[in-house]
N, C-alpha and C. Protein backbone atom coordinates (compact mmCIF):
# COMPACT_ATOMS: atom_id res chain seq x y z
N UNK A 1 18.09 58.56 366.77
CA UNK A 1 19.34 58.05 366.26
C UNK A 1 19.84 56.87 367.09
N UNK A 2 19.63 56.91 368.42
CA UNK A 2 20.08 55.80 369.26
C UNK A 2 19.37 54.50 368.89
N UNK A 3 18.07 54.58 368.58
CA UNK A 3 17.33 53.37 368.22
C UNK A 3 17.90 52.75 366.95
N UNK A 4 18.21 53.58 365.96
CA UNK A 4 18.78 53.07 364.72
C UNK A 4 20.16 52.48 364.96
N UNK A 5 20.96 53.11 365.81
CA UNK A 5 22.29 52.59 366.12
C UNK A 5 22.18 51.26 366.83
N UNK A 6 21.30 51.13 367.82
CA UNK A 6 21.11 49.87 368.53
C UNK A 6 20.58 48.81 367.58
N UNK A 7 19.64 49.19 366.74
CA UNK A 7 19.09 48.25 365.76
C UNK A 7 20.20 47.73 364.85
N UNK A 8 21.03 48.62 364.35
CA UNK A 8 22.14 48.23 363.48
C UNK A 8 23.14 47.35 364.21
N UNK A 9 23.44 47.67 365.46
CA UNK A 9 24.38 46.89 366.26
C UNK A 9 23.85 45.48 366.49
N UNK A 10 22.59 45.36 366.82
CA UNK A 10 22.00 44.04 367.08
C UNK A 10 21.98 43.20 365.80
N UNK A 11 21.58 43.81 364.69
CA UNK A 11 21.56 43.07 363.43
C UNK A 11 22.97 42.64 363.05
N UNK A 12 23.94 43.55 363.18
CA UNK A 12 25.32 43.20 362.85
C UNK A 12 25.83 42.08 363.74
N UNK A 13 25.55 42.15 365.04
CA UNK A 13 26.00 41.10 365.96
C UNK A 13 25.36 39.77 365.61
N UNK A 14 24.09 39.79 365.28
CA UNK A 14 23.40 38.55 364.90
C UNK A 14 23.97 37.94 363.64
N UNK A 15 24.25 38.78 362.65
CA UNK A 15 24.80 38.27 361.40
C UNK A 15 26.23 37.77 361.60
N UNK A 16 27.02 38.48 362.39
CA UNK A 16 28.39 38.06 362.64
C UNK A 16 28.46 36.77 363.43
N UNK A 17 27.48 36.50 364.27
CA UNK A 17 27.51 35.28 365.08
C UNK A 17 26.86 34.10 364.36
N UNK A 18 26.52 34.27 363.10
CA UNK A 18 25.97 33.16 362.33
C UNK A 18 24.48 32.97 362.47
N UNK A 19 23.78 33.96 363.02
CA UNK A 19 22.33 33.85 363.19
C UNK A 19 21.65 34.28 361.91
N UNK A 20 20.47 33.76 361.71
CA UNK A 20 19.71 34.18 360.56
C UNK A 20 18.62 35.14 360.98
N UNK A 21 18.26 36.03 360.09
CA UNK A 21 17.23 37.03 360.37
C UNK A 21 15.99 36.67 359.56
N UNK A 22 14.84 36.70 360.19
CA UNK A 22 13.59 36.41 359.52
C UNK A 22 12.85 37.73 359.27
N UNK A 23 12.17 37.82 358.16
CA UNK A 23 11.44 39.04 357.83
C UNK A 23 9.95 38.73 357.72
N UNK A 24 9.12 39.63 358.25
CA UNK A 24 7.66 39.49 358.22
C UNK A 24 7.21 38.12 358.71
N UNK A 25 7.66 37.77 359.88
CA UNK A 25 7.35 36.43 360.37
C UNK A 25 6.08 36.40 361.20
N UNK A 26 5.39 35.30 361.13
CA UNK A 26 4.32 35.03 362.07
C UNK A 26 4.71 33.81 362.90
N UNK A 27 5.66 33.02 362.36
CA UNK A 27 6.22 31.90 363.08
C UNK A 27 7.63 31.67 362.56
N UNK A 28 8.59 31.52 363.47
CA UNK A 28 9.97 31.33 363.03
C UNK A 28 10.77 30.59 364.08
N UNK A 29 11.81 29.93 363.62
CA UNK A 29 12.75 29.23 364.49
C UNK A 29 14.13 29.82 364.27
N UNK A 30 14.93 29.84 365.32
CA UNK A 30 16.27 30.39 365.26
C UNK A 30 17.18 29.57 366.16
N UNK A 31 18.38 29.25 365.69
CA UNK A 31 19.35 28.50 366.48
C UNK A 31 20.57 29.36 366.73
N UNK A 32 21.09 29.29 367.94
CA UNK A 32 22.30 30.01 368.33
C UNK A 32 23.25 29.01 368.97
N UNK A 33 24.46 28.89 368.45
CA UNK A 33 25.45 27.95 368.97
C UNK A 33 26.57 28.73 369.63
N UNK A 34 26.91 28.37 370.87
CA UNK A 34 28.01 29.02 371.59
C UNK A 34 28.86 27.90 372.20
N UNK A 35 29.93 27.54 371.51
CA UNK A 35 30.73 26.41 371.95
C UNK A 35 29.93 25.13 371.85
N UNK A 36 29.88 24.37 372.95
CA UNK A 36 29.14 23.11 372.97
C UNK A 36 27.67 23.31 373.33
N UNK A 37 27.28 24.54 373.60
CA UNK A 37 25.90 24.82 374.02
C UNK A 37 25.09 25.33 372.82
N UNK A 38 23.95 24.70 372.60
CA UNK A 38 23.07 25.08 371.49
C UNK A 38 21.75 25.57 372.05
N UNK A 39 21.33 26.73 371.58
CA UNK A 39 20.05 27.32 371.96
C UNK A 39 19.13 27.30 370.75
N UNK A 40 17.91 26.80 370.94
CA UNK A 40 16.90 26.81 369.89
C UNK A 40 15.74 27.68 370.36
N UNK A 41 15.37 28.65 369.54
CA UNK A 41 14.28 29.56 369.85
C UNK A 41 13.12 29.32 368.89
N UNK A 42 11.91 29.37 369.39
CA UNK A 42 10.71 29.33 368.56
C UNK A 42 9.88 30.56 368.91
N UNK A 43 9.49 31.29 367.90
CA UNK A 43 8.73 32.53 368.08
C UNK A 43 7.52 32.49 367.17
N UNK A 44 6.36 32.85 367.72
CA UNK A 44 5.20 33.01 366.84
C UNK A 44 4.29 34.09 367.39
N UNK A 45 3.47 34.63 366.49
CA UNK A 45 2.52 35.69 366.83
C UNK A 45 1.12 35.15 366.59
N UNK A 46 0.25 35.33 367.58
CA UNK A 46 -1.15 34.94 367.45
C UNK A 46 -2.01 36.02 368.11
N UNK A 47 -2.97 36.52 367.37
CA UNK A 47 -3.87 37.56 367.89
C UNK A 47 -3.11 38.74 368.50
N UNK A 48 -2.09 39.21 367.80
CA UNK A 48 -1.26 40.35 368.21
C UNK A 48 -0.54 40.11 369.53
N UNK A 49 -0.25 38.86 369.84
CA UNK A 49 0.52 38.50 371.04
C UNK A 49 1.73 37.68 370.60
N UNK A 50 2.86 37.95 371.22
CA UNK A 50 4.11 37.27 370.91
C UNK A 50 4.34 36.12 371.89
N UNK A 51 4.67 34.96 371.37
CA UNK A 51 4.97 33.78 372.18
C UNK A 51 6.38 33.30 371.85
N UNK A 52 7.18 33.09 372.88
CA UNK A 52 8.58 32.70 372.70
C UNK A 52 8.86 31.47 373.55
N UNK A 53 9.55 30.50 372.97
CA UNK A 53 10.04 29.37 373.77
C UNK A 53 11.51 29.16 373.42
N UNK A 54 12.26 28.61 374.37
CA UNK A 54 13.69 28.40 374.15
C UNK A 54 14.11 27.06 374.74
N UNK A 55 15.08 26.46 374.10
CA UNK A 55 15.68 25.21 374.58
C UNK A 55 17.20 25.39 374.61
N UNK A 56 17.82 24.85 375.66
CA UNK A 56 19.28 24.83 375.76
C UNK A 56 19.69 23.37 375.73
N UNK A 57 20.42 22.98 374.68
CA UNK A 57 20.82 21.58 374.47
C UNK A 57 19.62 20.65 374.59
N UNK A 58 18.49 21.06 374.03
CA UNK A 58 17.30 20.23 374.01
C UNK A 58 16.41 20.31 375.23
N UNK A 59 16.87 20.99 376.29
CA UNK A 59 16.09 21.11 377.53
C UNK A 59 15.29 22.41 377.48
N UNK A 60 13.98 22.29 377.70
CA UNK A 60 13.10 23.46 377.65
C UNK A 60 13.43 24.46 378.74
N UNK A 61 13.58 25.72 378.35
CA UNK A 61 13.70 26.83 379.30
C UNK A 61 12.32 27.43 379.44
N UNK A 62 12.08 28.26 380.44
CA UNK A 62 10.74 28.80 380.60
C UNK A 62 10.35 29.64 379.40
N UNK A 63 9.11 29.48 379.00
CA UNK A 63 8.58 30.22 377.87
C UNK A 63 8.09 31.60 378.29
N UNK A 64 8.06 32.48 377.35
CA UNK A 64 7.59 33.84 377.58
C UNK A 64 6.41 34.06 376.65
N UNK A 65 5.34 34.61 377.15
CA UNK A 65 4.20 34.81 376.27
C UNK A 65 3.41 36.04 376.68
N UNK A 66 2.66 36.51 375.71
CA UNK A 66 1.72 37.57 376.00
C UNK A 66 2.16 38.98 375.69
N UNK A 67 3.41 39.18 375.23
CA UNK A 67 3.82 40.53 374.87
C UNK A 67 2.98 41.02 373.69
N UNK A 68 2.54 42.25 373.76
CA UNK A 68 1.74 42.83 372.70
C UNK A 68 2.59 43.10 371.47
N UNK A 69 2.05 42.73 370.31
CA UNK A 69 2.72 43.00 369.03
C UNK A 69 1.76 43.83 368.20
N UNK A 70 2.02 45.15 368.11
CA UNK A 70 1.12 46.03 367.37
C UNK A 70 0.94 45.57 365.93
N UNK A 71 -0.28 45.52 365.48
CA UNK A 71 -0.63 45.09 364.13
C UNK A 71 -0.21 43.65 363.84
N UNK A 72 0.24 42.90 364.86
CA UNK A 72 0.64 41.51 364.67
C UNK A 72 1.86 41.33 363.80
N UNK A 73 2.72 42.36 363.71
CA UNK A 73 3.87 42.31 362.81
C UNK A 73 5.19 42.24 363.57
N UNK A 74 6.01 41.28 363.18
CA UNK A 74 7.38 41.19 363.67
C UNK A 74 8.27 41.35 362.45
N UNK A 75 9.17 42.34 362.50
CA UNK A 75 10.02 42.62 361.35
C UNK A 75 11.20 41.67 361.25
N UNK A 76 11.66 41.14 362.38
CA UNK A 76 12.80 40.23 362.34
C UNK A 76 13.23 39.84 363.73
N UNK A 77 14.22 38.96 363.80
CA UNK A 77 14.75 38.55 365.09
C UNK A 77 16.20 38.14 364.92
N UNK A 78 16.95 38.23 366.02
CA UNK A 78 18.36 37.85 366.03
C UNK A 78 18.71 37.39 367.43
N UNK A 79 19.73 36.56 367.54
CA UNK A 79 20.24 36.14 368.84
C UNK A 79 21.72 36.47 368.90
N UNK A 80 22.15 37.00 370.03
CA UNK A 80 23.55 37.36 370.22
C UNK A 80 23.82 37.50 371.71
N UNK A 81 25.07 37.39 372.09
CA UNK A 81 25.47 37.59 373.49
C UNK A 81 26.13 38.96 373.60
N UNK A 82 25.33 40.01 373.51
CA UNK A 82 25.87 41.37 373.49
C UNK A 82 26.41 41.82 374.84
N UNK A 83 25.91 41.24 375.95
CA UNK A 83 26.42 41.66 377.26
C UNK A 83 27.53 40.72 377.76
N UNK A 84 27.97 39.79 376.94
CA UNK A 84 29.11 38.90 377.21
C UNK A 84 28.97 38.12 378.52
N UNK A 85 27.75 37.65 378.82
CA UNK A 85 27.55 36.85 380.04
C UNK A 85 27.51 35.35 379.74
N UNK A 86 27.88 34.99 378.52
CA UNK A 86 27.95 33.60 378.06
C UNK A 86 26.60 32.95 377.81
N UNK A 87 25.52 33.72 377.83
CA UNK A 87 24.21 33.24 377.42
C UNK A 87 23.63 34.26 376.44
N UNK A 88 23.00 33.79 375.39
CA UNK A 88 22.51 34.73 374.38
C UNK A 88 21.22 35.43 374.80
N UNK A 89 20.98 36.53 374.16
CA UNK A 89 19.72 37.23 374.28
C UNK A 89 19.00 37.08 372.94
N UNK A 90 17.70 37.01 372.98
CA UNK A 90 16.90 36.98 371.77
C UNK A 90 16.32 38.37 371.58
N UNK A 91 16.55 38.96 370.41
CA UNK A 91 16.06 40.28 370.08
C UNK A 91 14.96 40.14 369.03
N UNK A 92 13.79 40.68 369.33
CA UNK A 92 12.65 40.62 368.41
C UNK A 92 12.32 42.05 368.03
N UNK A 93 12.33 42.31 366.72
CA UNK A 93 12.07 43.65 366.20
C UNK A 93 10.62 43.72 365.75
N UNK A 94 9.89 44.67 366.33
CA UNK A 94 8.48 44.84 366.00
C UNK A 94 8.35 45.89 364.91
N UNK A 95 7.43 45.68 363.99
CA UNK A 95 7.23 46.64 362.92
C UNK A 95 5.81 47.16 362.90
N UNK A 96 5.69 48.46 362.83
CA UNK A 96 4.38 49.09 362.65
C UNK A 96 4.48 49.95 361.40
N UNK A 97 3.40 50.02 360.67
CA UNK A 97 3.41 50.80 359.44
C UNK A 97 3.66 52.29 359.67
N UNK A 98 3.23 52.81 360.81
CA UNK A 98 3.25 54.26 360.99
C UNK A 98 4.25 54.76 362.04
N UNK A 99 5.15 53.90 362.52
CA UNK A 99 6.09 54.38 363.53
C UNK A 99 7.44 53.69 363.40
N UNK A 100 8.38 54.15 364.19
CA UNK A 100 9.71 53.53 364.23
C UNK A 100 9.58 52.15 364.86
N UNK A 101 10.25 51.13 364.34
CA UNK A 101 10.13 49.78 364.92
C UNK A 101 10.56 49.74 366.38
N UNK A 102 9.91 48.86 367.15
CA UNK A 102 10.26 48.66 368.54
C UNK A 102 11.17 47.45 368.68
N UNK A 103 11.66 47.25 369.88
CA UNK A 103 12.59 46.16 370.13
C UNK A 103 12.23 45.50 371.46
N UNK A 104 12.13 44.17 371.46
CA UNK A 104 11.96 43.40 372.68
C UNK A 104 13.21 42.52 372.82
N UNK A 105 13.74 42.44 374.03
CA UNK A 105 14.91 41.61 374.27
C UNK A 105 14.61 40.62 375.39
N UNK A 106 15.00 39.37 375.20
CA UNK A 106 14.78 38.30 376.17
C UNK A 106 16.11 37.65 376.48
N UNK A 107 16.39 37.37 377.75
CA UNK A 107 17.63 36.74 378.12
C UNK A 107 17.40 35.27 378.46
N UNK A 108 18.43 34.47 378.31
CA UNK A 108 18.35 33.04 378.61
C UNK A 108 19.04 32.72 379.92
N UNK A 109 19.50 33.72 380.64
CA UNK A 109 20.28 33.50 381.85
C UNK A 109 19.48 33.22 383.08
């Protein structure tokens, strides 16, 4: 039940903050605006590995790569500042046909 509650909270926060959710993605882009600061995220899956890159106002932040993605499926993603530290987190929801979806969270701080 906690996983479903967290999943619902993250999706609601992402939708309320103007973020878009992607479904069944293998490659997707997401933008998060917080005041004058703009974050651009690029996410893609290759050979069951997740690759993430982020930019803050056009400046590249360190990329994250190599997280395992079972069956190569990502169910969706959202960005939100749930811990109120003034930098967003990127939430990537993993989907497997035979289990409850997993969640990966990345911070920009």
